[in-house]
Amino acid sequence: MTPTNIALHQKSRLLELTWPDDVVHSLPCEYLRVYSPSAEVRGHGPGQEKLQLGKENVNITALEPVGHYAVKIVFDDNHDSGLYDWNLLRDLGDKYEEYWADYLKRCEEANYTRKADGQVI
């Protein structure tokens, strides 16, 4: 399923996707960055994932269409190697609560403390 609208809100650091079934997902840039489909983040197989830390203030500088199936997201930390296909973006939106809770749990397990304003302590 292809989104009917994609809007980048840089000031609030959100990527908003509207889907044909009228579902709207507002995905934080940090969330998209830490769940990048790139090999740098996901590894080349199960168990090779690399926890991304210190991405609280990351923003998106560009969205580049890739055919009719994906978008390349360019982040201001120079990460641009993941292609976000529509199925991945829909999954990230539909399971946001679950995935975000898992990310926060992994941060805690790594003794990494986040602050809501993006400053790490």
PDB file of N, CA and C in Angstrom:
ATOM      1  N   MET A   1       0.850  -1.171   0.000  1.00  0.00           N
ATOM      2  CA  MET A   1       0.000   0.000   0.000  1.00  0.00           C
ATOM      3  C   MET A   1       0.899   1.238   0.000  1.00  0.00           C
ATOM      4  N   THR A   2       0.646   2.150  -0.883  1.00  0.00           N
ATOM      5  CA  THR A   2       1.425   3.382  -1.024  1.00  0.00           C
ATOM      6  C   THR A   2       0.743   4.520  -0.269  1.00  0.00           C
ATOM      7  N   PRO A   3       1.487   5.312   0.491  1.00  0.00           N
ATOM      8  CA  PRO A   3       0.859   6.451   1.182  1.00  0.00           C
ATOM      9  C   PRO A   3       0.246   7.425   0.172  1.00  0.00           C
ATOM     10  N   THR A   4      -0.851   8.033   0.570  1.00  0.00           N
ATOM     11  CA  THR A   4      -1.492   9.040  -0.292  1.00  0.00           C
ATOM     12  C   THR A   4      -0.881  10.413  -0.055  1.00  0.00           C
ATOM     13  N   ASN A   5      -0.204  10.576   1.100  1.00  0.00           N
ATOM     14  CA  ASN A   5       0.455  11.848   1.383  1.00  0.00           C
ATOM     15  C   ASN A   5       1.613  11.612   2.356  1.00  0.00           C
ATOM     16  N   ILE A   6       2.701  12.330   2.111  1.00  0.00           N
ATOM     17  CA  ILE A   6       3.853  12.304   3.007  1.00  0.00           C
ATOM     18  C   ILE A   6       4.211  13.752   3.297  1.00  0.00           C
ATOM     19  N   ALA A   7       4.259  14.100   4.580  1.00  0.00           N
ATOM     20  CA  ALA A   7       4.591  15.473   4.967  1.00  0.00           C
ATOM     21  C   ALA A   7       5.682  15.444   6.022  1.00  0.00           C
ATOM     22  N   LEU A   8       6.739  16.192   5.772  1.00  0.00           N
ATOM     23  CA  LEU A   8       7.833  16.309   6.724  1.00  0.00           C
ATOM     24  C   LEU A   8       7.646  17.593   7.528  1.00  0.00           C
ATOM     25  N   HIS A   9       7.600  17.442   8.844  1.00  0.00           N
ATOM     26  CA  HIS A   9       7.471  18.583   9.749  1.00  0.00           C
ATOM     27  C   HIS A   9       8.798  18.693  10.497  1.00  0.00           C
ATOM     28  N   GLN A  10       9.751  19.449   9.930  1.00  0.00           N
ATOM     29  CA  GLN A  10      11.095  19.515  10.493  1.00  0.00           C
ATOM     30  C   GLN A  10      11.124  20.157  11.873  1.00  0.00           C
ATOM     31  N   LYS A  11      10.298  21.171  12.087  1.00  0.00           N
ATOM     32  CA  LYS A  11      10.320  21.861  13.376  1.00  0.00           C
ATOM     33  C   LYS A  11       9.942  20.912  14.512  1.00  0.00           C
ATOM     34  N   SER A  12       8.931  20.072  14.290  1.00  0.00           N
ATOM     35  CA  SER A  12       8.517  19.119  15.325  1.00  0.00           C
ATOM     36  C   SER A  12       9.187  17.751  15.148  1.00  0.00           C
ATOM     37  N   ARG A  13      10.046  17.640  14.125  1.00  0.00           N
ATOM     38  CA  ARG A  13      10.791  16.405  13.846  1.00  0.00           C
ATOM     39  C   ARG A  13       9.865  15.205  13.671  1.00  0.00           C
ATOM     40  N   LEU A  14       8.857  15.368  12.823  1.00  0.00           N
ATOM     41  CA  LEU A  14       7.903  14.297  12.554  1.00  0.00           C
ATOM     42  C   LEU A  14       7.740  14.084  11.062  1.00  0.00           C
ATOM     43  N   LEU A  15       7.603  12.834  10.672  1.00  0.00           N
ATOM     44  CA  LEU A  15       7.243  12.480   9.305  1.00  0.00           C
ATOM     45  C   LEU A  15       5.823  11.937   9.370  1.00  0.00           C
ATOM     46  N   GLU A  16       4.928  12.615   8.668  1.00  0.00           N
ATOM     47  CA  GLU A  16       3.520  12.238   8.692  1.00  0.00           C
ATOM     48  C   GLU A  16       3.161  11.503   7.406  1.00  0.00           C
ATOM     49  N   LEU A  17       2.592  10.324   7.570  1.00  0.00           N
ATOM     50  CA  LEU A  17       2.185   9.506   6.428  1.00  0.00           C
ATOM     51  C   LEU A  17       0.679   9.275   6.499  1.00  0.00           C
ATOM     52  N   THR A  18       0.000   9.551   5.398  1.00  0.00           N
ATOM     53  CA  THR A  18      -1.426   9.273   5.301  1.00  0.00           C
ATOM     54  C   THR A  18      -1.595   8.115   4.331  1.00  0.00           C
ATOM     55  N   TRP A  19      -2.370   7.118   4.733  1.00  0.00           N
ATOM     56  CA  TRP A  19      -2.544   5.897   3.954  1.00  0.00           C
ATOM     57  C   TRP A  19      -3.925   5.867   3.296  1.00  0.00           C
ATOM     58  N   PRO A  20      -4.090   5.072   2.239  1.00  0.00           N
ATOM     59  CA  PRO A  20      -5.369   5.004   1.522  1.00  0.00           C
ATOM     60  C   PRO A  20      -6.563   4.621   2.404  1.00  0.00           C
ATOM     61  N   ASP A  21      -6.312   3.911   3.508  1.00  0.00           N
ATOM     62  CA  ASP A  21      -7.409   3.533   4.413  1.00  0.00           C
ATOM     63  C   ASP A  21      -7.639   4.606   5.488  1.00  0.00           C
ATOM     64  N   ASP A  22      -7.116   5.821   5.240  1.00  0.00           N
ATOM     65  CA  ASP A  22      -7.278   6.995   6.107  1.00  0.00           C
ATOM     66  C   ASP A  22      -6.548   6.890   7.446  1.00  0.00           C
ATOM     67  N   VAL A  23      -5.669   5.922   7.596  1.00  0.00           N
ATOM     68  CA  VAL A  23      -4.821   5.853   8.773  1.00  0.00           C
ATOM     69  C   VAL A  23      -3.713   6.886   8.591  1.00  0.00           C
ATOM     70  N   VAL A  24      -3.412   7.634   9.651  1.00  0.00           N
ATOM     71  CA  VAL A  24      -2.348   8.633   9.625  1.00  0.00           C
ATOM     72  C   VAL A  24      -1.334   8.268  10.708  1.00  0.00           C
ATOM     73  N   HIS A  25      -0.068   8.195  10.317  1.00  0.00           N
ATOM     74  CA  HIS A  25       1.014   7.946  11.272  1.00  0.00           C
ATOM     75  C   HIS A  25       1.907   9.176  11.330  1.00  0.00           C
ATOM     76  N   SER A  26       2.222   9.638  12.524  1.00  0.00           N
ATOM     77  CA  SER A  26       3.196  10.707  12.729  1.00  0.00           C
ATOM     78  C   SER A  26       4.395  10.071  13.419  1.00  0.00           C
ATOM     79  N   LEU A  27       5.459   9.858  12.654  1.00  0.00           N
ATOM     80  CA  LEU A  27       6.618   9.126  13.151  1.00  0.00           C
ATOM     81  C   LEU A  27       7.775  10.076  13.450  1.00  0.00           C
ATOM     82  N   PRO A  28       8.275  10.056  14.684  1.00  0.00           N
ATOM     83  CA  PRO A  28       9.399  10.920  15.046  1.00  0.00           C
ATOM     84  C   PRO A  28      10.658  10.566  14.251  1.00  0.00           C
ATOM     85  N   CYS A  29      11.444  11.565  13.921  1.00  0.00           N
ATOM     86  CA  CYS A  29      12.691  11.348  13.179  1.00  0.00           C
ATOM     87  C   CYS A  29      13.618  10.404  13.934  1.00  0.00           C
ATOM     88  N   GLU A  30      13.706  10.577  15.250  1.00  0.00           N
ATOM     89  CA  GLU A  30      14.561   9.693  16.046  1.00  0.00           C
ATOM     90  C   GLU A  30      14.142   8.239  15.870  1.00  0.00           C
ATOM     91  N   TYR A  31      12.854   7.980  15.928  1.00  0.00           N
ATOM     92  CA  TYR A  31      12.317   6.620  15.777  1.00  0.00           C
ATOM     93  C   TYR A  31      12.694   6.044  14.406  1.00  0.00           C
ATOM     94  N   LEU A  32      12.503   6.842  13.365  1.00  0.00           N
ATOM     95  CA  LEU A  32      12.861   6.383  12.018  1.00  0.00           C
ATOM     96  C   LEU A  32      14.357   6.122  11.905  1.00  0.00           C
ATOM     97  N   ARG A  33      15.154   6.942  12.566  1.00  0.00           N
ATOM     98  CA  ARG A  33      16.614   6.776  12.497  1.00  0.00           C
ATOM     99  C   ARG A  33      17.071   5.516  13.215  1.00  0.00           C
ATOM    100  N   VAL A  34      16.530   5.268  14.401  1.00  0.00           N
ATOM    101  CA  VAL A  34      16.983   4.102  15.165  1.00  0.00           C
ATOM    102  C   VAL A  34      16.435   2.796  14.599  1.00  0.00           C
ATOM    103  N   TYR A  35      15.398   2.880  13.780  1.00  0.00           N
ATOM    104  CA  TYR A  35      14.860   1.692  13.113  1.00  0.00           C
ATOM    105  C   TYR A  35      15.154   1.706  11.615  1.00  0.00           C
ATOM    106  N   SER A  36      16.234   2.365  11.229  1.00  0.00           N
ATOM    107  CA  SER A  36      16.644   2.407   9.826  1.00  0.00           C
ATOM    108  C   SER A  36      16.826   0.978   9.301  1.00  0.00           C
ATOM    109  N   PRO A  37      16.389   0.737   8.061  1.00  0.00           N
ATOM    110  CA  PRO A  37      16.565  -0.593   7.472  1.00  0.00           C
ATOM    111  C   PRO A  37      17.978  -0.832   6.934  1.00  0.00           C
ATOM    112  N   SER A  38      18.898   0.090   7.159  1.00  0.00           N
ATOM    113  CA  SER A  38      20.252  -0.051   6.624  1.00  0.00           C
ATOM    114  C   SER A  38      21.009  -1.176   7.318  1.00  0.00           C
ATOM    115  N   ALA A  39      21.988  -1.716   6.629  1.00  0.00           N
ATOM    116  CA  ALA A  39      22.843  -2.759   7.209  1.00  0.00           C
ATOM    117  C   ALA A  39      23.630  -2.206   8.392  1.00  0.00           C
ATOM    118  N   GLU A  40      23.948  -0.922   8.366  1.00  0.00           N
ATOM    119  CA  GLU A  40      24.673  -0.280   9.467  1.00  0.00           C
ATOM    120  C   GLU A  40      23.899  -0.411  10.781  1.00  0.00           C
ATOM    121  N   VAL A  41      22.569  -0.390  10.705  1.00  0.00           N
ATOM    122  CA  VAL A  41      21.714  -0.475  11.885  1.00  0.00           C
ATOM    123  C   VAL A  41      21.231  -1.906  12.113  1.00  0.00           C
ATOM    124  N   ARG A  42      20.742  -2.535  11.060  1.00  0.00           N
ATOM    125  CA  ARG A  42      20.131  -3.861  11.177  1.00  0.00           C
ATOM    126  C   ARG A  42      21.126  -5.011  11.121  1.00  0.00           C
ATOM    127  N   GLY A  43      22.318  -4.741  10.596  1.00  0.00           N
ATOM    128  CA  GLY A  43      23.282  -5.818  10.411  1.00  0.00           C
ATOM    129  C   GLY A  43      22.921  -6.619   9.169  1.00  0.00           C
ATOM    130  N   HIS A  44      23.588  -7.740   9.005  1.00  0.00           N
ATOM    131  CA  HIS A  44      23.351  -8.577   7.826  1.00  0.00           C
ATOM    132  C   HIS A  44      22.599  -9.851   8.166  1.00  0.00           C
ATOM    133  N   GLY A  45      22.099  -9.924   9.390  1.00  0.00           N
ATOM    134  CA  GLY A  45      21.349 -11.094   9.803  1.00  0.00           C
ATOM    135  C   GLY A  45      20.869 -10.939  11.231  1.00  0.00           C
ATOM    136  N   PRO A  46      20.023 -11.861  11.672  1.00  0.00           N
ATOM    137  CA  PRO A  46      19.487 -11.795  13.030  1.00  0.00           C
ATOM    138  C   PRO A  46      20.609 -11.765  14.076  1.00  0.00           C
ATOM    139  N   GLY A  47      20.414 -10.904  15.075  1.00  0.00           N
ATOM    140  CA  GLY A  47      21.393 -10.798  16.144  1.00  0.00           C
ATOM    141  C   GLY A  47      22.529  -9.830  15.852  1.00  0.00           C
ATOM    142  N   GLN A  48      22.553  -9.248  14.661  1.00  0.00           N
ATOM    143  CA  GLN A  48      23.626  -8.316  14.297  1.00  0.00           C
ATOM    144  C   GLN A  48      23.191  -6.855  14.387  1.00  0.00           C
ATOM    145  N   GLU A  49      21.994  -6.611  14.913  1.00  0.00           N
ATOM    146  CA  GLU A  49      21.490  -5.250  15.027  1.00  0.00           C
ATOM    147  C   GLU A  49      22.400  -4.436  15.934  1.00  0.00           C
ATOM    148  N   LYS A  50      22.554  -3.149  15.591  1.00  0.00           N
ATOM    149  CA  LYS A  50      23.381  -2.258  16.399  1.00  0.00           C
ATOM    150  C   LYS A  50      22.490  -1.173  16.994  1.00  0.00           C
ATOM    151  N   LEU A  51      22.448  -1.129  18.322  1.00  0.00           N
ATOM    152  CA  LEU A  51      21.630  -0.142  19.022  1.00  0.00           C
ATOM    153  C   LEU A  51      22.130   1.262  18.690  1.00  0.00           C
ATOM    154  N   GLN A  52      21.229   2.115  18.243  1.00  0.00           N
ATOM    155  CA  GLN A  52      21.562   3.484  17.877  1.00  0.00           C
ATOM    156  C   GLN A  52      21.277   4.397  19.069  1.00  0.00           C
ATOM    157  N   LEU A  53      22.310   5.045  19.585  1.00  0.00           N
ATOM    158  CA  LEU A  53      22.168   5.924  20.735  1.00  0.00           C
ATOM    159  C   LEU A  53      22.526   7.360  20.354  1.00  0.00           C
ATOM    160  N   GLY A  54      21.997   8.309  21.109  1.00  0.00           N
ATOM    161  CA  GLY A  54      22.332   9.711  20.881  1.00  0.00           C
ATOM    162  C   GLY A  54      21.644  10.317  19.673  1.00  0.00           C
ATOM    163  N   LYS A  55      20.477   9.790  19.319  1.00  0.00           N
ATOM    164  CA  LYS A  55      19.770  10.272  18.126  1.00  0.00           C
ATOM    165  C   LYS A  55      18.550  11.127  18.471  1.00  0.00           C
ATOM    166  N   GLU A  56      18.458  11.585  19.728  1.00  0.00           N
ATOM    167  CA  GLU A  56      17.289  12.341  20.168  1.00  0.00           C
ATOM    168  C   GLU A  56      17.036  13.601  19.333  1.00  0.00           C
ATOM    169  N   ASN A  57      18.099  14.251  18.881  1.00  0.00           N
ATOM    170  CA  ASN A  57      17.939  15.518  18.150  1.00  0.00           C
ATOM    171  C   ASN A  57      18.071  15.382  16.644  1.00  0.00           C
ATOM    172  N   VAL A  58      18.113  14.154  16.144  1.00  0.00           N
ATOM    173  CA  VAL A  58      18.276  13.962  14.705  1.00  0.00           C
ATOM    174  C   VAL A  58      17.054  14.504  13.956  1.00  0.00           C
ATOM    175  N   ASN A  59      17.309  15.002  12.768  1.00  0.00           N
ATOM    176  CA  ASN A  59      16.223  15.498  11.928  1.00  0.00           C
ATOM    177  C   ASN A  59      16.415  14.961  10.521  1.00  0.00           C
ATOM    178  N   ILE A  60      15.386  15.086   9.726  1.00  0.00           N
ATOM    179  CA  ILE A  60      15.431  14.659   8.328  1.00  0.00           C
ATOM    180  C   ILE A  60      15.702  15.886   7.472  1.00  0.00           C
ATOM    181  N   THR A  61      16.701  15.771   6.595  1.00  0.00           N
ATOM    182  CA  THR A  61      17.014  16.898   5.710  1.00  0.00           C
ATOM    183  C   THR A  61      16.457  16.710   4.307  1.00  0.00           C
ATOM    184  N   ALA A  62      16.190  15.443   3.923  1.00  0.00           N
ATOM    185  CA  ALA A  62      15.655  15.204   2.588  1.00  0.00           C
ATOM    186  C   ALA A  62      14.922  13.867   2.526  1.00  0.00           C
ATOM    187  N   LEU A  63      13.923  13.838   1.656  1.00  0.00           N
ATOM    188  CA  LEU A  63      13.200  12.612   1.323  1.00  0.00           C
ATOM    189  C   LEU A  63      13.343  12.431  -0.184  1.00  0.00           C
ATOM    190  N   GLU A  64      13.896  11.297  -0.587  1.00  0.00           N
ATOM    191  CA  GLU A  64      14.126  11.049  -2.006  1.00  0.00           C
ATOM    192  C   GLU A  64      13.335   9.822  -2.450  1.00  0.00           C
ATOM    193  N   PRO A  65      12.383   9.993  -3.378  1.00  0.00           N
ATOM    194  CA  PRO A  65      11.605   8.848  -3.841  1.00  0.00           C
ATOM    195  C   PRO A  65      12.505   7.817  -4.518  1.00  0.00           C
ATOM    196  N   VAL A  66      12.180   6.550  -4.298  1.00  0.00           N
ATOM    197  CA  VAL A  66      12.889   5.443  -4.942  1.00  0.00           C
ATOM    198  C   VAL A  66      11.826   4.635  -5.677  1.00  0.00           C
ATOM    199  N   GLY A  67      11.747   4.852  -6.987  1.00  0.00           N
ATOM    200  CA  GLY A  67      10.707   4.187  -7.767  1.00  0.00           C
ATOM    201  C   GLY A  67       9.336   4.489  -7.189  1.00  0.00           C
ATOM    202  N   HIS A  68       8.463   3.478  -7.225  1.00  0.00           N
ATOM    203  CA  HIS A  68       7.119   3.631  -6.664  1.00  0.00           C
ATOM    204  C   HIS A  68       6.961   2.808  -5.398  1.00  0.00           C
ATOM    205  N   TYR A  69       8.085   2.369  -4.821  1.00  0.00           N
ATOM    206  CA  TYR A  69       7.983   1.429  -3.717  1.00  0.00           C
ATOM    207  C   TYR A  69       8.644   1.884  -2.413  1.00  0.00           C
ATOM    208  N   ALA A  70       9.406   2.966  -2.438  1.00  0.00           N
ATOM    209  CA  ALA A  70      10.155   3.330  -1.233  1.00  0.00           C
ATOM    210  C   ALA A  70      10.553   4.800  -1.252  1.00  0.00           C
ATOM    211  N   VAL A  71      11.140   5.215  -0.114  1.00  0.00           N
ATOM    212  CA  VAL A  71      11.709   6.551   0.004  1.00  0.00           C
ATOM    213  C   VAL A  71      13.050   6.405   0.725  1.00  0.00           C
ATOM    214  N   LYS A  72      14.021   7.163   0.249  1.00  0.00           N
ATOM    215  CA  LYS A  72      15.318   7.233   0.927  1.00  0.00           C
ATOM    216  C   LYS A  72      15.248   8.447   1.845  1.00  0.00           C
ATOM    217  N   ILE A  73      15.527   8.220   3.117  1.00  0.00           N
ATOM    218  CA  ILE A  73      15.482   9.305   4.094  1.00  0.00           C
ATOM    219  C   ILE A  73      16.908   9.727   4.403  1.00  0.00           C
ATOM    220  N   VAL A  74      17.174  11.023   4.244  1.00  0.00           N
ATOM    221  CA  VAL A  74      18.487  11.576   4.548  1.00  0.00           C
ATOM    222  C   VAL A  74      18.372  12.317   5.881  1.00  0.00           C
ATOM    223  N   PHE A  75      19.175  11.866   6.848  1.00  0.00           N
ATOM    224  CA  PHE A  75      19.158  12.465   8.187  1.00  0.00           C
ATOM    225  C   PHE A  75      20.306  13.456   8.322  1.00  0.00           C
ATOM    226  N   ASP A  76      20.158  14.394   9.253  1.00  0.00           N
ATOM    227  CA  ASP A  76      21.187  15.426   9.409  1.00  0.00           C
ATOM    228  C   ASP A  76      22.445  14.925  10.121  1.00  0.00           C
ATOM    229  N   ASP A  77      22.468  13.649  10.514  1.00  0.00           N
ATOM    230  CA  ASP A  77      23.716  13.065  11.042  1.00  0.00           C
ATOM    231  C   ASP A  77      24.452  12.314   9.925  1.00  0.00           C
ATOM    232  N   ASN A  78      24.066  12.616   8.689  1.00  0.00           N
ATOM    233  CA  ASN A  78      24.654  12.057   7.460  1.00  0.00           C
ATOM    234  C   ASN A  78      24.296  10.594   7.203  1.00  0.00           C
ATOM    235  N   HIS A  79      23.345  10.057   7.947  1.00  0.00           N
ATOM    236  CA  HIS A  79      22.892   8.685   7.679  1.00  0.00           C
ATOM    237  C   HIS A  79      21.886   8.750   6.530  1.00  0.00           C
ATOM    238  N   ASP A  80      22.153   7.987   5.472  1.00  0.00           N
ATOM    239  CA  ASP A  80      21.241   8.007   4.321  1.00  0.00           C
ATOM    240  C   ASP A  80      21.240   6.677   3.562  1.00  0.00           C
ATOM    241  N   SER A  81      21.642   5.604   4.248  1.00  0.00           N
ATOM    242  CA  SER A  81      21.828   4.353   3.519  1.00  0.00           C
ATOM    243  C   SER A  81      20.660   3.372   3.600  1.00  0.00           C
ATOM    244  N   GLY A  82      19.570   3.757   4.226  1.00  0.00           N
ATOM    245  CA  GLY A  82      18.436   2.832   4.302  1.00  0.00           C
ATOM    246  C   GLY A  82      17.308   3.236   3.377  1.00  0.00           C
ATOM    247  N   LEU A  83      16.724   2.252   2.705  1.00  0.00           N
ATOM    248  CA  LEU A  83      15.538   2.509   1.881  1.00  0.00           C
ATOM    249  C   LEU A  83      14.308   2.052   2.662  1.00  0.00           C
ATOM    250  N   TYR A  84      13.426   2.976   2.904  1.00  0.00           N
ATOM    251  CA  TYR A  84      12.207   2.702   3.654  1.00  0.00           C
ATOM    252  C   TYR A  84      11.095   2.397   2.659  1.00  0.00           C
ATOM    253  N   ASP A  85      10.808   1.106   2.472  1.00  0.00           N
ATOM    254  CA  ASP A  85       9.716   0.786   1.546  1.00  0.00           C
ATOM    255  C   ASP A  85       8.382   0.997   2.266  1.00  0.00           C
ATOM    256  N   TRP A  86       7.316   1.038   1.479  1.00  0.00           N
ATOM    257  CA  TRP A  86       6.005   1.369   2.051  1.00  0.00           C
ATOM    258  C   TRP A  86       5.575   0.353   3.102  1.00  0.00           C
ATOM    259  N   ASN A  87       5.877  -0.921   2.899  1.00  0.00           N
ATOM    260  CA  ASN A  87       5.503  -1.940   3.889  1.00  0.00           C
ATOM    261  C   ASN A  87       6.214  -1.703   5.213  1.00  0.00           C
ATOM    262  N   LEU A  88       7.494  -1.340   5.158  1.00  0.00           N
ATOM    263  CA  LEU A  88       8.245  -1.059   6.378  1.00  0.00           C
ATOM    264  C   LEU A  88       7.653   0.152   7.096  1.00  0.00           C
ATOM    265  N   LEU A  89       7.391   1.228   6.364  1.00  0.00           N
ATOM    266  CA  LEU A  89       6.839   2.431   6.991  1.00  0.00           C
ATOM    267  C   LEU A  89       5.470   2.162   7.605  1.00  0.00           C
ATOM    268  N   ARG A  90       4.653   1.353   6.935  1.00  0.00           N
ATOM    269  CA  ARG A  90       3.340   1.019   7.491  1.00  0.00           C
ATOM    270  C   ARG A  90       3.522   0.212   8.777  1.00  0.00           C
ATOM    271  N   ASP A  91       4.443  -0.738   8.753  1.00  0.00           N
ATOM    272  CA  ASP A  91       4.712  -1.551   9.937  1.00  0.00           C
ATOM    273  C   ASP A  91       5.237  -0.684  11.083  1.00  0.00           C
ATOM    274  N   LEU A  92       6.171   0.223  10.786  1.00  0.00           N
ATOM    275  CA  LEU A  92       6.714   1.113  11.817  1.00  0.00           C
ATOM    276  C   LEU A  92       5.615   1.987  12.413  1.00  0.00           C
ATOM    277  N   GLY A  93       4.664   2.377  11.588  1.00  0.00           N
ATOM    278  CA  GLY A  93       3.539   3.176  12.085  1.00  0.00           C
ATOM    279  C   GLY A  93       2.562   2.355  12.898  1.00  0.00           C
ATOM    280  N   ASP A  94       2.172   1.208  12.356  1.00  0.00           N
ATOM    281  CA  ASP A  94       1.181   0.360  13.034  1.00  0.00           C
ATOM    282  C   ASP A  94       1.697  -0.170  14.366  1.00  0.00           C
ATOM    283  N   LYS A  95       2.987  -0.419  14.469  1.00  0.00           N
ATOM    284  CA  LYS A  95       3.554  -1.028  15.678  1.00  0.00           C
ATOM    285  C   LYS A  95       4.437  -0.046  16.453  1.00  0.00           C
ATOM    286  N   TYR A  96       4.194   1.238  16.265  1.00  0.00           N
ATOM    287  CA  TYR A  96       5.017   2.264  16.904  1.00  0.00           C
ATOM    288  C   TYR A  96       5.161   2.044  18.410  1.00  0.00           C
ATOM    289  N   GLU A  97       4.041   1.876  19.121  1.00  0.00           N
ATOM    290  CA  GLU A  97       4.087   1.746  20.589  1.00  0.00           C
ATOM    291  C   GLU A  97       4.983   0.574  21.002  1.00  0.00           C
ATOM    292  N   GLU A  98       4.809  -0.551  20.347  1.00  0.00           N
ATOM    293  CA  GLU A  98       5.572  -1.766  20.662  1.00  0.00           C
ATOM    294  C   GLU A  98       7.065  -1.576  20.378  1.00  0.00           C
ATOM    295  N   TYR A  99       7.373  -1.055  19.180  1.00  0.00           N
ATOM    296  CA  TYR A  99       8.775  -0.886  18.794  1.00  0.00           C
ATOM    297  C   TYR A  99       9.471   0.177  19.641  1.00  0.00           C
ATOM    298  N   TRP A 100       8.766   1.271  19.933  1.00  0.00           N
ATOM    299  CA  TRP A 100       9.372   2.340  20.726  1.00  0.00           C
ATOM    300  C   TRP A 100       9.660   1.847  22.144  1.00  0.00           C
ATOM    301  N   ALA A 101       8.718   1.108  22.732  1.00  0.00           N
ATOM    302  CA  ALA A 101       8.924   0.549  24.070  1.00  0.00           C
ATOM    303  C   ALA A 101      10.133  -0.388  24.065  1.00  0.00           C
ATOM    304  N   ASP A 102      10.295  -1.169  23.012  1.00  0.00           N
ATOM    305  CA  ASP A 102      11.439  -2.073  22.911  1.00  0.00           C
ATOM    306  C   ASP A 102      12.740  -1.277  22.817  1.00  0.00           C
ATOM    307  N   TYR A 103      12.737  -0.198  22.037  1.00  0.00           N
ATOM    308  CA  TYR A 103      13.921   0.643  21.919  1.00  0.00           C
ATOM    309  C   TYR A 103      14.298   1.243  23.275  1.00  0.00           C
ATOM    310  N   LEU A 104      13.311   1.773  23.990  1.00  0.00           N
ATOM    311  CA  LEU A 104      13.586   2.371  25.307  1.00  0.00           C
ATOM    312  C   LEU A 104      14.117   1.324  26.277  1.00  0.00           C
ATOM    313  N   LYS A 105      13.603   0.112  26.200  1.00  0.00           N
ATOM    314  CA  LYS A 105      14.081  -0.981  27.057  1.00  0.00           C
ATOM    315  C   LYS A 105      15.540  -1.305  26.737  1.00  0.00           C
ATOM    316  N   ARG A 106      15.880  -1.352  25.447  1.00  0.00           N
ATOM    317  CA  ARG A 106      17.260  -1.639  25.054  1.00  0.00           C
ATOM    318  C   ARG A 106      18.198  -0.511  25.469  1.00  0.00           C
ATOM    319  N   CYS A 107      17.724   0.735  25.421  1.00  0.00           N
ATOM    320  CA  CYS A 107      18.533   1.865  25.901  1.00  0.00           C
ATOM    321  C   CYS A 107      18.814   1.699  27.391  1.00  0.00           C
ATOM    322  N   GLU A 108      17.790   1.337  28.136  1.00  0.00           N
ATOM    323  CA  GLU A 108      17.943   1.147  29.581  1.00  0.00           C
ATOM    324  C   GLU A 108      18.929   0.022  29.868  1.00  0.00           C
ATOM    325  N   GLU A 109      18.811  -1.079  29.130  1.00  0.00           N
ATOM    326  CA  GLU A 109      19.728  -2.208  29.324  1.00  0.00           C
ATOM    327  C   GLU A 109      21.174  -1.822  29.020  1.00  0.00           C
ATOM    328  N   ALA A 110      21.344  -0.833  28.141  1.00  0.00           N
ATOM    329  CA  ALA A 110      22.690  -0.362  27.791  1.00  0.00           C
ATOM    330  C   ALA A 110      23.157   0.763  28.729  1.00  0.00           C
ATOM    331  N   ASN A 111      22.368   1.023  29.791  1.00  0.00           N
ATOM    332  CA  ASN A 111      22.666   2.091  30.747  1.00  0.00           C
ATOM    333  C   ASN A 111      22.730   3.458  30.073  1.00  0.00           C
ATOM    334  N   TYR A 112      21.872   3.649  29.095  1.00  0.00           N
ATOM    335  CA  TYR A 112      21.802   4.922  28.377  1.00  0.00           C
ATOM    336  C   TYR A 112      20.545   5.646  28.845  1.00  0.00           C
ATOM    337  N   THR A 113      20.697   6.893  29.280  1.00  0.00           N
ATOM    338  CA  THR A 113      19.564   7.667  29.768  1.00  0.00           C
ATOM    339  C   THR A 113      19.221   8.765  28.780  1.00  0.00           C
ATOM    340  N   ARG A 114      17.961   8.799  28.404  1.00  0.00           N
ATOM    341  CA  ARG A 114      17.464   9.832  27.490  1.00  0.00           C
ATOM    342  C   ARG A 114      16.736  10.899  28.300  1.00  0.00           C
ATOM    343  N   LYS A 115      16.700  12.110  27.760  1.00  0.00           N
ATOM    344  CA  LYS A 115      15.885  13.168  28.323  1.00  0.00           C
ATOM    345  C   LYS A 115      14.881  13.584  27.266  1.00  0.00           C
ATOM    346  N   ALA A 116      13.693  13.955  27.703  1.00  0.00           N
ATOM    347  CA  ALA A 116      12.624  14.294  26.780  1.00  0.00           C
ATOM    348  C   ALA A 116      12.993  15.434  25.825  1.00  0.00           C
ATOM    349  N   ASP A 117      13.836  16.352  26.291  1.00  0.00           N
ATOM    350  CA  ASP A 117      14.207  17.478  25.432  1.00  0.00           C
ATOM    351  C   ASP A 117      15.365  17.131  24.503  1.00  0.00           C
ATOM    352  N   GLY A 118      15.760  15.876  24.536  1.00  0.00           N
ATOM    353  CA  GLY A 118      16.813  15.442  23.631  1.00  0.00           C
ATOM    354  C   GLY A 118      18.209  15.532  24.183  1.00  0.00           C
ATOM    355  N   GLN A 119      18.352  16.017  25.418  1.00  0.00           N
ATOM    356  CA  GLN A 119      19.688  16.103  26.009  1.00  0.00           C
ATOM    357  C   GLN A 119      19.974  14.849  26.807  1.00  0.00           C
ATOM    358  N   VAL A 120      21.102  14.270  26.567  1.00  0.00           N
ATOM    359  CA  VAL A 120      21.491  13.053  27.260  1.00  0.00           C
ATOM    360  C   VAL A 120      22.201  13.428  28.554  1.00  0.00           C
ATOM    361  N   ILE A 121      21.893  12.695  29.628  1.00  0.00           N
ATOM    362  CA  ILE A 121      22.569  12.952  30.912  1.00  0.00           C
ATOM    363  C   ILE A 121      23.441  11.762  31.275  1.00  0.00           C
TER     364      ILE A 121
END
